[in-house]
């Protein structure tokens, strides 16, 4: 199995996690991780910076990062199989979908016709 791991940069800084891994012997599967909606000066080692904007802006930034990363690695949102996301509460009726931080409307902007199967965790 041939794995190629790609580095993740925020501005000109190398992040401590990778952008993703391409598995060429498995028909080019791409595995991404660590997409966050953080400000440009985000530095996890110094606890500097933080999340950008409101929940909708954060969802848009993360999905735009995923789209960009997939395209850079030779794929696209059309080939996305699964998205795992974490949503911060509150959860008025007990579930993630009831949280004002869960933004299905923003998901619809990116996946109007073919939304990937997604899992959500509290």
PDB file of N, CA and C in Angstrom:
ATOM      1  N   UNK A   1       0.846  -1.164   0.000  1.00  0.00           N
ATOM      2  CA  UNK A   1       0.000   0.000   0.000  1.00  0.00           C
ATOM      3  C   UNK A   1       0.895   1.232   0.000  1.00  0.00           C
ATOM      4  N   UNK A   2       0.629   2.174  -0.884  1.00  0.00           N
ATOM      5  CA  UNK A   2       1.433   3.378  -1.002  1.00  0.00           C
ATOM      6  C   UNK A   2       0.679   4.553  -0.389  1.00  0.00           C
ATOM      7  N   UNK A   3       1.191   5.088   0.713  1.00  0.00           N
ATOM      8  CA  UNK A   3       0.579   6.218   1.405  1.00  0.00           C
ATOM      9  C   UNK A   3       1.425   7.462   1.195  1.00  0.00           C
ATOM     10  N   UNK A   4       0.773   8.558   0.834  1.00  0.00           N
ATOM     11  CA  UNK A   4       1.463   9.837   0.715  1.00  0.00           C
ATOM     12  C   UNK A   4       0.768  10.821   1.639  1.00  0.00           C
ATOM     13  N   UNK A   5       1.473  11.281   2.664  1.00  0.00           N
ATOM     14  CA  UNK A   5       0.906  12.230   3.615  1.00  0.00           C
ATOM     15  C   UNK A   5       1.316  13.637   3.210  1.00  0.00           C
ATOM     16  N   UNK A   6       0.358  14.555   3.252  1.00  0.00           N
ATOM     17  CA  UNK A   6       0.590  15.945   2.861  1.00  0.00           C
ATOM     18  C   UNK A   6       0.537  16.834   4.096  1.00  0.00           C
ATOM     19  N   UNK A   7       1.435  17.796   4.166  1.00  0.00           N
ATOM     20  CA  UNK A   7       1.533  18.684   5.317  1.00  0.00           C
ATOM     21  C   UNK A   7       0.435  19.738   5.288  1.00  0.00           C
ATOM     22  N   UNK A   8       0.038  20.186   6.477  1.00  0.00           N
ATOM     23  CA  UNK A   8      -0.989  21.215   6.623  1.00  0.00           C
ATOM     24  C   UNK A   8      -0.326  22.499   7.096  1.00  0.00           C
ATOM     25  N   UNK A   9      -0.591  23.587   6.377  1.00  0.00           N
ATOM     26  CA  UNK A   9      -0.065  24.894   6.749  1.00  0.00           C
ATOM     27  C   UNK A   9      -1.219  25.827   7.064  1.00  0.00           C
ATOM     28  N   UNK A  10      -1.021  26.711   8.008  1.00  0.00           N
ATOM     29  CA  UNK A  10      -1.948  27.801   8.310  1.00  0.00           C
ATOM     30  C   UNK A  10      -1.146  29.057   8.064  1.00  0.00           C
ATOM     31  N   UNK A  11      -1.426  29.730   6.934  1.00  0.00           N
ATOM     32  CA  UNK A  11      -0.549  30.807   6.514  1.00  0.00           C
ATOM     33  C   UNK A  11       0.780  30.186   6.123  1.00  0.00           C
ATOM     34  N   UNK A  12       1.862  30.622   6.749  1.00  0.00           N
ATOM     35  CA  UNK A  12       3.175  30.038   6.456  1.00  0.00           C
ATOM     36  C   UNK A  12       3.658  29.095   7.561  1.00  0.00           C
ATOM     37  N   UNK A  13       2.802  28.831   8.567  1.00  0.00           N
ATOM     38  CA  UNK A  13       3.188  27.951   9.668  1.00  0.00           C
ATOM     39  C   UNK A  13       2.741  26.513   9.427  1.00  0.00           C
ATOM     40  N   UNK A  14       3.627  25.575   9.701  1.00  0.00           N
ATOM     41  CA  UNK A  14       3.321  24.159   9.611  1.00  0.00           C
ATOM     42  C   UNK A  14       2.522  23.748  10.842  1.00  0.00           C
ATOM     43  N   UNK A  15       1.366  23.142  10.622  1.00  0.00           N
ATOM     44  CA  UNK A  15       0.532  22.668  11.724  1.00  0.00           C
ATOM     45  C   UNK A  15       1.030  21.301  12.196  1.00  0.00           C
ATOM     46  N   UNK A  16       0.755  20.952  13.462  1.00  0.00           N
ATOM     47  CA  UNK A  16       1.249  19.677  13.993  1.00  0.00           C
ATOM     48  C   UNK A  16       0.476  18.461  13.480  1.00  0.00           C
ATOM     49  N   UNK A  17      -0.514  18.647  12.640  1.00  0.00           N
ATOM     50  CA  UNK A  17      -1.263  17.541  12.049  1.00  0.00           C
ATOM     51  C   UNK A  17      -1.156  17.639  10.536  1.00  0.00           C
ATOM     52  N   UNK A  18      -1.391  16.574   9.858  1.00  0.00           N
ATOM     53  CA  UNK A  18      -1.304  16.562   8.401  1.00  0.00           C
ATOM     54  C   UNK A  18      -2.581  17.046   7.746  1.00  0.00           C
ATOM     55  N   UNK A  19      -2.463  17.480   6.504  1.00  0.00           N
ATOM     56  CA  UNK A  19      -3.627  17.869   5.707  1.00  0.00           C
ATOM     57  C   UNK A  19      -4.443  16.646   5.361  1.00  0.00           C
ATOM     58  N   UNK A  20      -3.748  15.608   4.937  1.00  0.00           N
ATOM     59  CA  UNK A  20      -4.435  14.387   4.557  1.00  0.00           C
ATOM     60  C   UNK A  20      -3.457  13.377   4.010  1.00  0.00           C
ATOM     61  N   UNK A  21      -3.979  12.188   3.773  1.00  0.00           N
ATOM     62  CA  UNK A  21      -3.183  11.101   3.223  1.00  0.00           C
ATOM     63  C   UNK A  21      -3.880  10.555   1.994  1.00  0.00           C
ATOM     64  N   UNK A  22      -3.120  10.354   0.921  1.00  0.00           N
ATOM     65  CA  UNK A  22      -3.639   9.756  -0.302  1.00  0.00           C
ATOM     66  C   UNK A  22      -3.130   8.322  -0.355  1.00  0.00           C
ATOM     67  N   UNK A  23      -4.055   7.384  -0.560  1.00  0.00           N
ATOM     68  CA  UNK A  23      -3.701   5.965  -0.663  1.00  0.00           C
ATOM     69  C   UNK A  23      -3.801   5.591  -2.134  1.00  0.00           C
ATOM     70  N   UNK A  24      -2.673   5.618  -2.845  1.00  0.00           N
ATOM     71  CA  UNK A  24      -2.699   5.425  -4.294  1.00  0.00           C
ATOM     72  C   UNK A  24      -3.043   4.002  -4.701  1.00  0.00           C
ATOM     73  N   UNK A  25      -2.676   3.014  -3.910  1.00  0.00           N
ATOM     74  CA  UNK A  25      -3.000   1.632  -4.267  1.00  0.00           C
ATOM     75  C   UNK A  25      -4.460   1.283  -3.993  1.00  0.00           C
ATOM     76  N   UNK A  26      -5.188   2.177  -3.372  1.00  0.00           N
ATOM     77  CA  UNK A  26      -6.606   1.957  -3.080  1.00  0.00           C
ATOM     78  C   UNK A  26      -7.445   2.904  -3.929  1.00  0.00           C
ATOM     79  N   UNK A  27      -7.083   3.003  -5.212  1.00  0.00           N
ATOM     80  CA  UNK A  27      -7.788   3.860  -6.172  1.00  0.00           C
ATOM     81  C   UNK A  27      -7.822   5.322  -5.738  1.00  0.00           C
ATOM     82  N   UNK A  28      -6.770   5.767  -5.074  1.00  0.00           N
ATOM     83  CA  UNK A  28      -6.634   7.177  -4.746  1.00  0.00           C
ATOM     84  C   UNK A  28      -7.504   7.678  -3.615  1.00  0.00           C
ATOM     85  N   UNK A  29      -7.859   6.830  -2.676  1.00  0.00           N
ATOM     86  CA  UNK A  29      -8.623   7.306  -1.526  1.00  0.00           C
ATOM     87  C   UNK A  29      -7.860   8.423  -0.842  1.00  0.00           C
ATOM     88  N   UNK A  30      -8.584   9.451  -0.410  1.00  0.00           N
ATOM     89  CA  UNK A  30      -7.998  10.579   0.301  1.00  0.00           C
ATOM     90  C   UNK A  30      -8.641  10.643   1.682  1.00  0.00           C
ATOM     91  N   UNK A  31      -7.824  10.701   2.707  1.00  0.00           N
ATOM     92  CA  UNK A  31      -8.305  10.829   4.075  1.00  0.00           C
ATOM     93  C   UNK A  31      -7.839  12.174   4.609  1.00  0.00           C
ATOM     94  N   UNK A  32      -8.786  13.018   5.026  1.00  0.00           N
ATOM     95  CA  UNK A  32      -8.469  14.332   5.575  1.00  0.00           C
ATOM     96  C   UNK A  32      -8.719  14.329   7.078  1.00  0.00           C
ATOM     97  N   UNK A  33      -8.069  15.258   7.760  1.00  0.00           N
ATOM     98  CA  UNK A  33      -8.333  15.426   9.191  1.00  0.00           C
ATOM     99  C   UNK A  33      -7.931  16.833   9.609  1.00  0.00           C
ATOM    100  N   UNK A  34      -8.391  17.235  10.769  1.00  0.00           N
ATOM    101  CA  UNK A  34      -7.911  18.471  11.376  1.00  0.00           C
ATOM    102  C   UNK A  34      -8.347  19.751  10.710  1.00  0.00           C
ATOM    103  N   UNK A  35      -9.491  19.760  10.028  1.00  0.00           N
ATOM    104  CA  UNK A  35      -9.975  21.009   9.454  1.00  0.00           C
ATOM    105  C   UNK A  35     -10.746  21.782  10.513  1.00  0.00           C
ATOM    106  N   UNK A  36     -10.284  22.981  10.785  1.00  0.00           N
ATOM    107  CA  UNK A  36     -10.906  23.824  11.801  1.00  0.00           C
ATOM    108  C   UNK A  36     -11.171  25.203  11.224  1.00  0.00           C
ATOM    109  N   UNK A  37     -12.029  25.937  11.882  1.00  0.00           N
ATOM    110  CA  UNK A  37     -12.336  27.307  11.467  1.00  0.00           C
ATOM    111  C   UNK A  37     -11.605  28.256  12.407  1.00  0.00           C
ATOM    112  N   UNK A  38     -10.323  28.426  12.170  1.00  0.00           N
ATOM    113  CA  UNK A  38      -9.509  29.251  13.058  1.00  0.00           C
ATOM    114  C   UNK A  38      -8.959  30.465  12.320  1.00  0.00           C
ATOM    115  N   UNK A  39      -8.619  31.470  13.101  1.00  0.00           N
ATOM    116  CA  UNK A  39      -8.062  32.700  12.541  1.00  0.00           C
ATOM    117  C   UNK A  39      -6.679  32.424  11.961  1.00  0.00           C
ATOM    118  N   UNK A  40      -6.216  33.334  11.099  1.00  0.00           N
ATOM    119  CA  UNK A  40      -4.941  33.130  10.407  1.00  0.00           C
ATOM    120  C   UNK A  40      -3.744  33.026  11.346  1.00  0.00           C
ATOM    121  N   UNK A  41      -3.808  33.704  12.502  1.00  0.00           N
ATOM    122  CA  UNK A  41      -2.656  33.650  13.413  1.00  0.00           C
ATOM    123  C   UNK A  41      -2.779  32.517  14.437  1.00  0.00           C
ATOM    124  N   UNK A  42      -3.642  31.550  14.164  1.00  0.00           N
ATOM    125  CA  UNK A  42      -3.839  30.425  15.089  1.00  0.00           C
ATOM    126  C   UNK A  42      -2.539  29.660  15.285  1.00  0.00           C
ATOM    127  N   UNK A  43      -2.174  29.467  16.542  1.00  0.00           N
ATOM    128  CA  UNK A  43      -0.972  28.708  16.881  1.00  0.00           C
ATOM    129  C   UNK A  43      -1.301  27.810  18.067  1.00  0.00           C
ATOM    130  N   UNK A  44      -1.589  26.516  17.799  1.00  0.00           N
ATOM    131  CA  UNK A  44      -2.002  25.627  18.885  1.00  0.00           C
ATOM    132  C   UNK A  44      -0.943  25.437  19.960  1.00  0.00           C
ATOM    133  N   UNK A  45       0.319  25.580  19.613  1.00  0.00           N
ATOM    134  CA  UNK A  45       1.374  25.381  20.615  1.00  0.00           C
ATOM    135  C   UNK A  45       1.422  26.525  21.620  1.00  0.00           C
ATOM    136  N   UNK A  46       0.922  27.698  21.226  1.00  0.00           N
ATOM    137  CA  UNK A  46       0.941  28.860  22.114  1.00  0.00           C
ATOM    138  C   UNK A  46      -0.456  29.245  22.588  1.00  0.00           C
ATOM    139  N   UNK A  47      -1.453  28.449  22.216  1.00  0.00           N
ATOM    140  CA  UNK A  47      -2.851  28.757  22.550  1.00  0.00           C
ATOM    141  C   UNK A  47      -3.204  30.161  22.071  1.00  0.00           C
ATOM    142  N   UNK A  48      -2.717  30.520  20.895  1.00  0.00           N
ATOM    143  CA  UNK A  48      -2.936  31.843  20.321  1.00  0.00           C
ATOM    144  C   UNK A  48      -3.969  31.733  19.214  1.00  0.00           C
ATOM    145  N   UNK A  49      -4.828  32.742  19.107  1.00  0.00           N
ATOM    146  CA  UNK A  49      -5.863  32.731  18.084  1.00  0.00           C
ATOM    147  C   UNK A  49      -7.049  31.919  18.547  1.00  0.00           C
ATOM    148  N   UNK A  50      -7.981  31.709  17.652  1.00  0.00           N
ATOM    149  CA  UNK A  50      -9.165  30.943  18.011  1.00  0.00           C
ATOM    150  C   UNK A  50     -10.110  30.841  16.840  1.00  0.00           C
ATOM    151  N   UNK A  51     -11.354  30.495  17.133  1.00  0.00           N
ATOM    152  CA  UNK A  51     -12.357  30.304  16.091  1.00  0.00           C
ATOM    153  C   UNK A  51     -12.747  31.631  15.455  1.00  0.00           C
ATOM    154  N   UNK A  52     -13.129  31.549  14.191  1.00  0.00           N
ATOM    155  CA  UNK A  52     -13.574  32.738  13.475  1.00  0.00           C
ATOM    156  C   UNK A  52     -15.094  32.853  13.550  1.00  0.00           C
ATOM    157  N   UNK A  53     -15.597  34.053  13.599  1.00  0.00           N
ATOM    158  CA  UNK A  53     -17.009  34.349  13.422  1.00  0.00           C
ATOM    159  C   UNK A  53     -18.013  33.508  14.186  1.00  0.00           C
ATOM    160  N   UNK A  54     -19.242  33.536  13.661  1.00  0.00           N
ATOM    161  CA  UNK A  54     -20.348  32.793  14.253  1.00  0.00           C
ATOM    162  C   UNK A  54     -20.356  31.357  13.723  1.00  0.00           C
ATOM    163  N   UNK A  55     -21.256  30.503  14.223  1.00  0.00           N
ATOM    164  CA  UNK A  55     -21.274  29.110  13.764  1.00  0.00           C
ATOM    165  C   UNK A  55     -21.399  28.953  12.248  1.00  0.00           C
ATOM    166  N   UNK A  56     -22.216  29.763  11.599  1.00  0.00           N
ATOM    167  CA  UNK A  56     -22.366  29.647  10.139  1.00  0.00           C
ATOM    168  C   UNK A  56     -21.045  29.947   9.435  1.00  0.00           C
ATOM    169  N   UNK A  57     -20.340  30.983   9.880  1.00  0.00           N
ATOM    170  CA  UNK A  57     -19.041  31.328   9.283  1.00  0.00           C
ATOM    171  C   UNK A  57     -18.031  30.209   9.521  1.00  0.00           C
ATOM    172  N   UNK A  58     -18.095  29.581  10.688  1.00  0.00           N
ATOM    173  CA  UNK A  58     -17.177  28.483  10.989  1.00  0.00           C
ATOM    174  C   UNK A  58     -17.455  27.279  10.093  1.00  0.00           C
ATOM    175  N   UNK A  59     -18.736  26.929   9.916  1.00  0.00           N
ATOM    176  CA  UNK A  59     -19.083  25.812   9.022  1.00  0.00           C
ATOM    177  C   UNK A  59     -18.606  26.103   7.603  1.00  0.00           C
ATOM    178  N   UNK A  60     -18.856  27.327   7.113  1.00  0.00           N
ATOM    179  CA  UNK A  60     -18.429  27.678   5.747  1.00  0.00           C
ATOM    180  C   UNK A  60     -16.915  27.572   5.602  1.00  0.00           C
ATOM    181  N   UNK A  61     -16.180  28.058   6.587  1.00  0.00           N
ATOM    182  CA  UNK A  61     -14.713  28.007   6.524  1.00  0.00           C
ATOM    183  C   UNK A  61     -14.216  26.565   6.506  1.00  0.00           C
ATOM    184  N   UNK A  62     -14.773  25.717   7.345  1.00  0.00           N
ATOM    185  CA  UNK A  62     -14.346  24.316   7.397  1.00  0.00           C
ATOM    186  C   UNK A  62     -14.667  23.608   6.092  1.00  0.00           C
ATOM    187  N   UNK A  63     -15.883  23.791   5.577  1.00  0.00           N
ATOM    188  CA  UNK A  63     -16.259  23.122   4.329  1.00  0.00           C
ATOM    189  C   UNK A  63     -15.445  23.652   3.149  1.00  0.00           C
ATOM    190  N   UNK A  64     -15.132  24.949   3.153  1.00  0.00           N
ATOM    191  CA  UNK A  64     -14.274  25.505   2.101  1.00  0.00           C
ATOM    192  C   UNK A  64     -12.867  24.910   2.198  1.00  0.00           C
ATOM    193  N   UNK A  65     -12.361  24.713   3.424  1.00  0.00           N
ATOM    194  CA  UNK A  65     -11.050  24.071   3.611  1.00  0.00           C
ATOM    195  C   UNK A  65     -11.065  22.643   3.086  1.00  0.00           C
ATOM    196  N   UNK A  66     -12.124  21.905   3.395  1.00  0.00           N
ATOM    197  CA  UNK A  66     -12.239  20.521   2.924  1.00  0.00           C
ATOM    198  C   UNK A  66     -12.262  20.492   1.403  1.00  0.00           C
ATOM    199  N   UNK A  67     -13.062  21.368   0.807  1.00  0.00           N
ATOM    200  CA  UNK A  67     -13.157  21.441  -0.661  1.00  0.00           C
ATOM    201  C   UNK A  67     -11.786  21.734  -1.265  1.00  0.00           C
ATOM    202  N   UNK A  68     -11.099  22.732  -0.729  1.00  0.00           N
ATOM    203  CA  UNK A  68      -9.780  23.120  -1.233  1.00  0.00           C
ATOM    204  C   UNK A  68      -8.763  21.989  -1.069  1.00  0.00           C
ATOM    205  N   UNK A  69      -8.751  21.358   0.104  1.00  0.00           N
ATOM    206  CA  UNK A  69      -7.805  20.262   0.352  1.00  0.00           C
ATOM    207  C   UNK A  69      -8.057  19.096  -0.595  1.00  0.00           C
ATOM    208  N   UNK A  70      -9.320  18.720  -0.787  1.00  0.00           N
ATOM    209  CA  UNK A  70      -9.634  17.616  -1.699  1.00  0.00           C
ATOM    210  C   UNK A  70      -9.168  17.925  -3.115  1.00  0.00           C
ATOM    211  N   UNK A  71      -9.446  19.149  -3.581  1.00  0.00           N
ATOM    212  CA  UNK A  71      -9.045  19.529  -4.938  1.00  0.00           C
ATOM    213  C   UNK A  71      -7.526  19.541  -5.076  1.00  0.00           C
ATOM    214  N   UNK A  72      -6.832  20.028  -4.058  1.00  0.00           N
ATOM    215  CA  UNK A  72      -5.366  20.051  -4.093  1.00  0.00           C
ATOM    216  C   UNK A  72      -4.785  18.636  -4.151  1.00  0.00           C
ATOM    217  N   UNK A  73      -5.494  17.672  -3.547  1.00  0.00           N
ATOM    218  CA  UNK A  73      -5.020  16.292  -3.514  1.00  0.00           C
ATOM    219  C   UNK A  73      -5.609  15.447  -4.639  1.00  0.00           C
ATOM    220  N   UNK A  74      -6.262  16.102  -5.617  1.00  0.00           N
ATOM    221  CA  UNK A  74      -6.742  15.398  -6.803  1.00  0.00           C
ATOM    222  C   UNK A  74      -8.134  14.818  -6.709  1.00  0.00           C
ATOM    223  N   UNK A  75      -8.944  15.296  -5.783  1.00  0.00           N
ATOM    224  CA  UNK A  75     -10.308  14.794  -5.642  1.00  0.00           C
ATOM    225  C   UNK A  75     -11.272  15.978  -5.609  1.00  0.00           C
ATOM    226  N   UNK A  76     -12.488  15.755  -5.138  1.00  0.00           N
ATOM    227  CA  UNK A  76     -13.473  16.835  -5.046  1.00  0.00           C
ATOM    228  C   UNK A  76     -14.574  16.445  -4.071  1.00  0.00           C
ATOM    229  N   UNK A  77     -15.441  17.409  -3.768  1.00  0.00           N
ATOM    230  CA  UNK A  77     -16.582  17.134  -2.898  1.00  0.00           C
ATOM    231  C   UNK A  77     -17.504  16.077  -3.491  1.00  0.00           C
ATOM    232  N   UNK A  78     -17.513  15.946  -4.820  1.00  0.00           N
ATOM    233  CA  UNK A  78     -18.364  14.946  -5.473  1.00  0.00           C
ATOM    234  C   UNK A  78     -18.006  13.528  -5.056  1.00  0.00           C
ATOM    235  N   UNK A  79     -16.783  13.318  -4.595  1.00  0.00           N
ATOM    236  CA  UNK A  79     -16.326  11.979  -4.225  1.00  0.00           C
ATOM    237  C   UNK A  79     -16.279  11.764  -2.715  1.00  0.00           C
ATOM    238  N   UNK A  80     -16.793  12.729  -1.974  1.00  0.00           N
ATOM    239  CA  UNK A  80     -16.771  12.629  -0.520  1.00  0.00           C
ATOM    240  C   UNK A  80     -17.713  11.524  -0.060  1.00  0.00           C
ATOM    241  N   UNK A  81     -17.217  10.653   0.796  1.00  0.00           N
ATOM    242  CA  UNK A  81     -18.008   9.522   1.276  1.00  0.00           C
ATOM    243  C   UNK A  81     -18.609   9.810   2.647  1.00  0.00           C
ATOM    244  N   UNK A  82     -17.818  10.369   3.538  1.00  0.00           N
ATOM    245  CA  UNK A  82     -18.278  10.548   4.909  1.00  0.00           C
ATOM    246  C   UNK A  82     -17.627  11.772   5.533  1.00  0.00           C
ATOM    247  N   UNK A  83     -18.403  12.460   6.351  1.00  0.00           N
ATOM    248  CA  UNK A  83     -17.906  13.591   7.122  1.00  0.00           C
ATOM    249  C   UNK A  83     -18.223  13.311   8.590  1.00  0.00           C
ATOM    250  N   UNK A  84     -17.236  13.417   9.442  1.00  0.00           N
ATOM    251  CA  UNK A  84     -17.470  13.318  10.880  1.00  0.00           C
ATOM    252  C   UNK A  84     -17.217  14.692  11.463  1.00  0.00           C
ATOM    253  N   UNK A  85     -18.183  15.212  12.168  1.00  0.00           N
ATOM    254  CA  UNK A  85     -18.034  16.549  12.724  1.00  0.00           C
ATOM    255  C   UNK A  85     -18.450  16.546  14.183  1.00  0.00           C
ATOM    256  N   UNK A  86     -17.965  17.522  14.891  1.00  0.00           N
ATOM    257  CA  UNK A  86     -18.256  17.682  16.308  1.00  0.00           C
ATOM    258  C   UNK A  86     -18.914  19.035  16.488  1.00  0.00           C
ATOM    259  N   UNK A  87     -20.018  19.064  17.203  1.00  0.00           N
ATOM    260  CA  UNK A  87     -20.795  20.279  17.399  1.00  0.00           C
ATOM    261  C   UNK A  87     -20.855  20.585  18.889  1.00  0.00           C
ATOM    262  N   UNK A  88     -20.521  21.810  19.231  1.00  0.00           N
ATOM    263  CA  UNK A  88     -20.603  22.236  20.623  1.00  0.00           C
ATOM    264  C   UNK A  88     -22.049  22.604  20.945  1.00  0.00           C
ATOM    265  N   UNK A  89     -22.507  22.289  22.146  1.00  0.00           N
ATOM    266  CA  UNK A  89     -23.876  22.592  22.598  1.00  0.00           C
ATOM    267  C   UNK A  89     -24.128  24.078  22.650  1.00  0.00           C
ATOM    268  N   UNK A  90     -25.275  24.500  23.088  1.00  0.00           N
ATOM    269  CA  UNK A  90     -26.292  23.760  23.827  1.00  0.00           C
ATOM    270  C   UNK A  90     -27.150  22.894  22.908  1.00  0.00           C
ATOM    271  N   UNK A  91     -27.782  21.906  23.508  1.00  0.00           N
ATOM    272  CA  UNK A  91     -28.676  21.012  22.787  1.00  0.00           C
ATOM    273  C   UNK A  91     -30.053  21.091  23.451  1.00  0.00           C
ATOM    274  N   UNK A  92     -30.886  22.079  23.049  1.00  0.00           N
ATOM    275  CA  UNK A  92     -32.163  22.328  23.731  1.00  0.00           C
ATOM    276  C   UNK A  92     -33.059  21.099  23.873  1.00  0.00           C
ATOM    277  N   UNK A  93     -33.142  20.258  22.861  1.00  0.00           N
ATOM    278  CA  UNK A  93     -34.000  19.080  22.965  1.00  0.00           C
ATOM    279  C   UNK A  93     -33.185  17.813  23.082  1.00  0.00           C
ATOM    280  N   UNK A  94     -31.902  17.957  23.389  1.00  0.00           N
ATOM    281  CA  UNK A  94     -31.081  16.803  23.671  1.00  0.00           C
ATOM    282  C   UNK A  94     -30.242  16.263  22.535  1.00  0.00           C
ATOM    283  N   UNK A  95     -30.412  16.738  21.317  1.00  0.00           N
ATOM    284  CA  UNK A  95     -29.653  16.195  20.198  1.00  0.00           C
ATOM    285  C   UNK A  95     -28.874  17.250  19.443  1.00  0.00           C
ATOM    286  N   UNK A  96     -27.886  16.793  18.700  1.00  0.00           N
ATOM    287  CA  UNK A  96     -27.033  17.693  17.924  1.00  0.00           C
ATOM    288  C   UNK A  96     -27.857  18.543  16.959  1.00  0.00           C
ATOM    289  N   UNK A  97     -28.835  17.937  16.317  1.00  0.00           N
ATOM    290  CA  UNK A  97     -29.617  18.670  15.317  1.00  0.00           C
ATOM    291  C   UNK A  97     -30.398  19.826  15.927  1.00  0.00           C
ATOM    292  N   UNK A  98     -30.611  19.817  17.236  1.00  0.00           N
ATOM    293  CA  UNK A  98     -31.331  20.916  17.878  1.00  0.00           C
ATOM    294  C   UNK A  98     -30.408  22.068  18.264  1.00  0.00           C
ATOM    295  N   UNK A  99     -29.107  21.877  18.135  1.00  0.00           N
ATOM    296  CA  UNK A  99     -28.161  22.918  18.527  1.00  0.00           C
ATOM    297  C   UNK A  99     -28.170  24.062  17.523  1.00  0.00           C
ATOM    298  N   UNK A 100     -28.159  25.311  18.011  1.00  0.00           N
ATOM    299  CA  UNK A 100     -28.046  26.446  17.088  1.00  0.00           C
ATOM    300  C   UNK A 100     -26.691  26.464  16.384  1.00  0.00           C
ATOM    301  N   UNK A 101     -25.737  25.660  16.878  1.00  0.00           N
ATOM    302  CA  UNK A 101     -24.421  25.581  16.251  1.00  0.00           C
ATOM    303  C   UNK A 101     -24.368  24.582  15.106  1.00  0.00           C
ATOM    304  N   UNK A 102     -25.384  23.735  14.971  1.00  0.00           N
ATOM    305  CA  UNK A 102     -25.452  22.807  13.843  1.00  0.00           C
ATOM    306  C   UNK A 102     -26.115  23.545  12.694  1.00  0.00           C
ATOM    307  N   UNK A 103     -25.465  23.642  11.545  1.00  0.00           N
ATOM    308  CA  UNK A 103     -25.962  24.469  10.450  1.00  0.00           C
ATOM    309  C   UNK A 103     -26.177  23.649   9.189  1.00  0.00           C
ATOM    310  N   UNK A 104     -27.316  22.955   9.125  1.00  0.00           N
ATOM    311  CA  UNK A 104     -27.648  22.179   7.936  1.00  0.00           C
ATOM    312  C   UNK A 104     -27.797  23.086   6.716  1.00  0.00           C
ATOM    313  N   UNK A 105     -28.222  24.341   6.931  1.00  0.00           N
ATOM    314  CA  UNK A 105     -28.350  25.265   5.805  1.00  0.00           C
ATOM    315  C   UNK A 105     -27.002  25.499   5.128  1.00  0.00           C
ATOM    316  N   UNK A 106     -25.929  25.548   5.905  1.00  0.00           N
ATOM    317  CA  UNK A 106     -24.598  25.727   5.325  1.00  0.00           C
ATOM    318  C   UNK A 106     -24.157  24.441   4.633  1.00  0.00           C
ATOM    319  N   UNK A 107     -24.459  23.287   5.225  1.00  0.00           N
ATOM    320  CA  UNK A 107     -24.160  22.009   4.557  1.00  0.00           C
ATOM    321  C   UNK A 107     -24.843  21.980   3.194  1.00  0.00           C
ATOM    322  N   UNK A 108     -26.085  22.444   3.137  1.00  0.00           N
ATOM    323  CA  UNK A 108     -26.830  22.443   1.876  1.00  0.00           C
ATOM    324  C   UNK A 108     -26.160  23.308   0.810  1.00  0.00           C
ATOM    325  N   UNK A 109     -25.489  24.391   1.218  1.00  0.00           N
ATOM    326  CA  UNK A 109     -24.790  25.242   0.252  1.00  0.00           C
ATOM    327  C   UNK A 109     -23.685  24.466  -0.462  1.00  0.00           C
ATOM    328  N   UNK A 110     -23.045  23.547   0.228  1.00  0.00           N
ATOM    329  CA  UNK A 110     -21.932  22.785  -0.341  1.00  0.00           C
ATOM    330  C   UNK A 110     -22.374  21.469  -0.970  1.00  0.00           C
ATOM    331  N   UNK A 111     -23.450  20.897  -0.456  1.00  0.00           N
ATOM    332  CA  UNK A 111     -23.872  19.566  -0.901  1.00  0.00           C
ATOM    333  C   UNK A 111     -25.336  19.578  -1.330  1.00  0.00           C
ATOM    334  N   UNK A 112     -25.708  20.483  -2.211  1.00  0.00           N
ATOM    335  CA  UNK A 112     -27.105  20.645  -2.600  1.00  0.00           C
ATOM    336  C   UNK A 112     -27.724  19.363  -3.140  1.00  0.00           C
ATOM    337  N   UNK A 113     -26.997  18.611  -3.951  1.00  0.00           N
ATOM    338  CA  UNK A 113     -27.577  17.428  -4.573  1.00  0.00           C
ATOM    339  C   UNK A 113     -27.128  16.124  -3.942  1.00  0.00           C
ATOM    340  N   UNK A 114     -25.867  16.021  -3.555  1.00  0.00           N
ATOM    341  CA  UNK A 114     -25.329  14.746  -3.080  1.00  0.00           C
ATOM    342  C   UNK A 114     -24.627  14.921  -1.739  1.00  0.00           C
ATOM    343  N   UNK A 115     -25.405  15.087  -0.708  1.00  0.00           N
ATOM    344  CA  UNK A 115     -24.818  15.233   0.622  1.00  0.00           C
ATOM    345  C   UNK A 115     -24.226  13.901   1.060  1.00  0.00           C
ATOM    346  N   UNK A 116     -22.990  13.914   1.589  1.00  0.00           N
ATOM    347  CA  UNK A 116     -22.393  12.657   2.049  1.00  0.00           C
ATOM    348  C   UNK A 116     -23.112  12.139   3.285  1.00  0.00           C
ATOM    349  N   UNK A 117     -23.005  10.853   3.496  1.00  0.00           N
ATOM    350  CA  UNK A 117     -23.521  10.298   4.745  1.00  0.00           C
ATOM    351  C   UNK A 117     -22.649  10.895   5.838  1.00  0.00           C
ATOM    352  N   UNK A 118     -23.273  11.447   6.837  1.00  0.00           N
ATOM    353  CA  UNK A 118     -22.478  12.071   7.891  1.00  0.00           C
ATOM    354  C   UNK A 118     -22.901  11.556   9.256  1.00  0.00           C
ATOM    355  N   UNK A 119     -21.950  11.575  10.153  1.00  0.00           N
ATOM    356  CA  UNK A 119     -22.185  11.190  11.539  1.00  0.00           C
ATOM    357  C   UNK A 119     -22.022  12.435  12.387  1.00  0.00           C
ATOM    358  N   UNK A 120     -22.791  12.545  13.413  1.00  0.00           N
ATOM    359  CA  UNK A 120     -22.634  13.677  14.318  1.00  0.00           C
ATOM    360  C   UNK A 120     -22.472  13.169  15.741  1.00  0.00           C
ATOM    361  N   UNK A 121     -21.646  13.880  16.481  1.00  0.00           N
ATOM    362  CA  UNK A 121     -21.361  13.507  17.860  1.00  0.00           C
ATOM    363  C   UNK A 121     -21.558  14.714  18.752  1.00  0.00           C
ATOM    364  N   UNK A 122     -22.049  14.486  19.942  1.00  0.00           N
ATOM    365  CA  UNK A 122     -22.186  15.580  20.911  1.00  0.00           C
ATOM    366  C   UNK A 122     -20.843  15.880  21.514  1.00  0.00           C
TER     367      UNK A 122
END
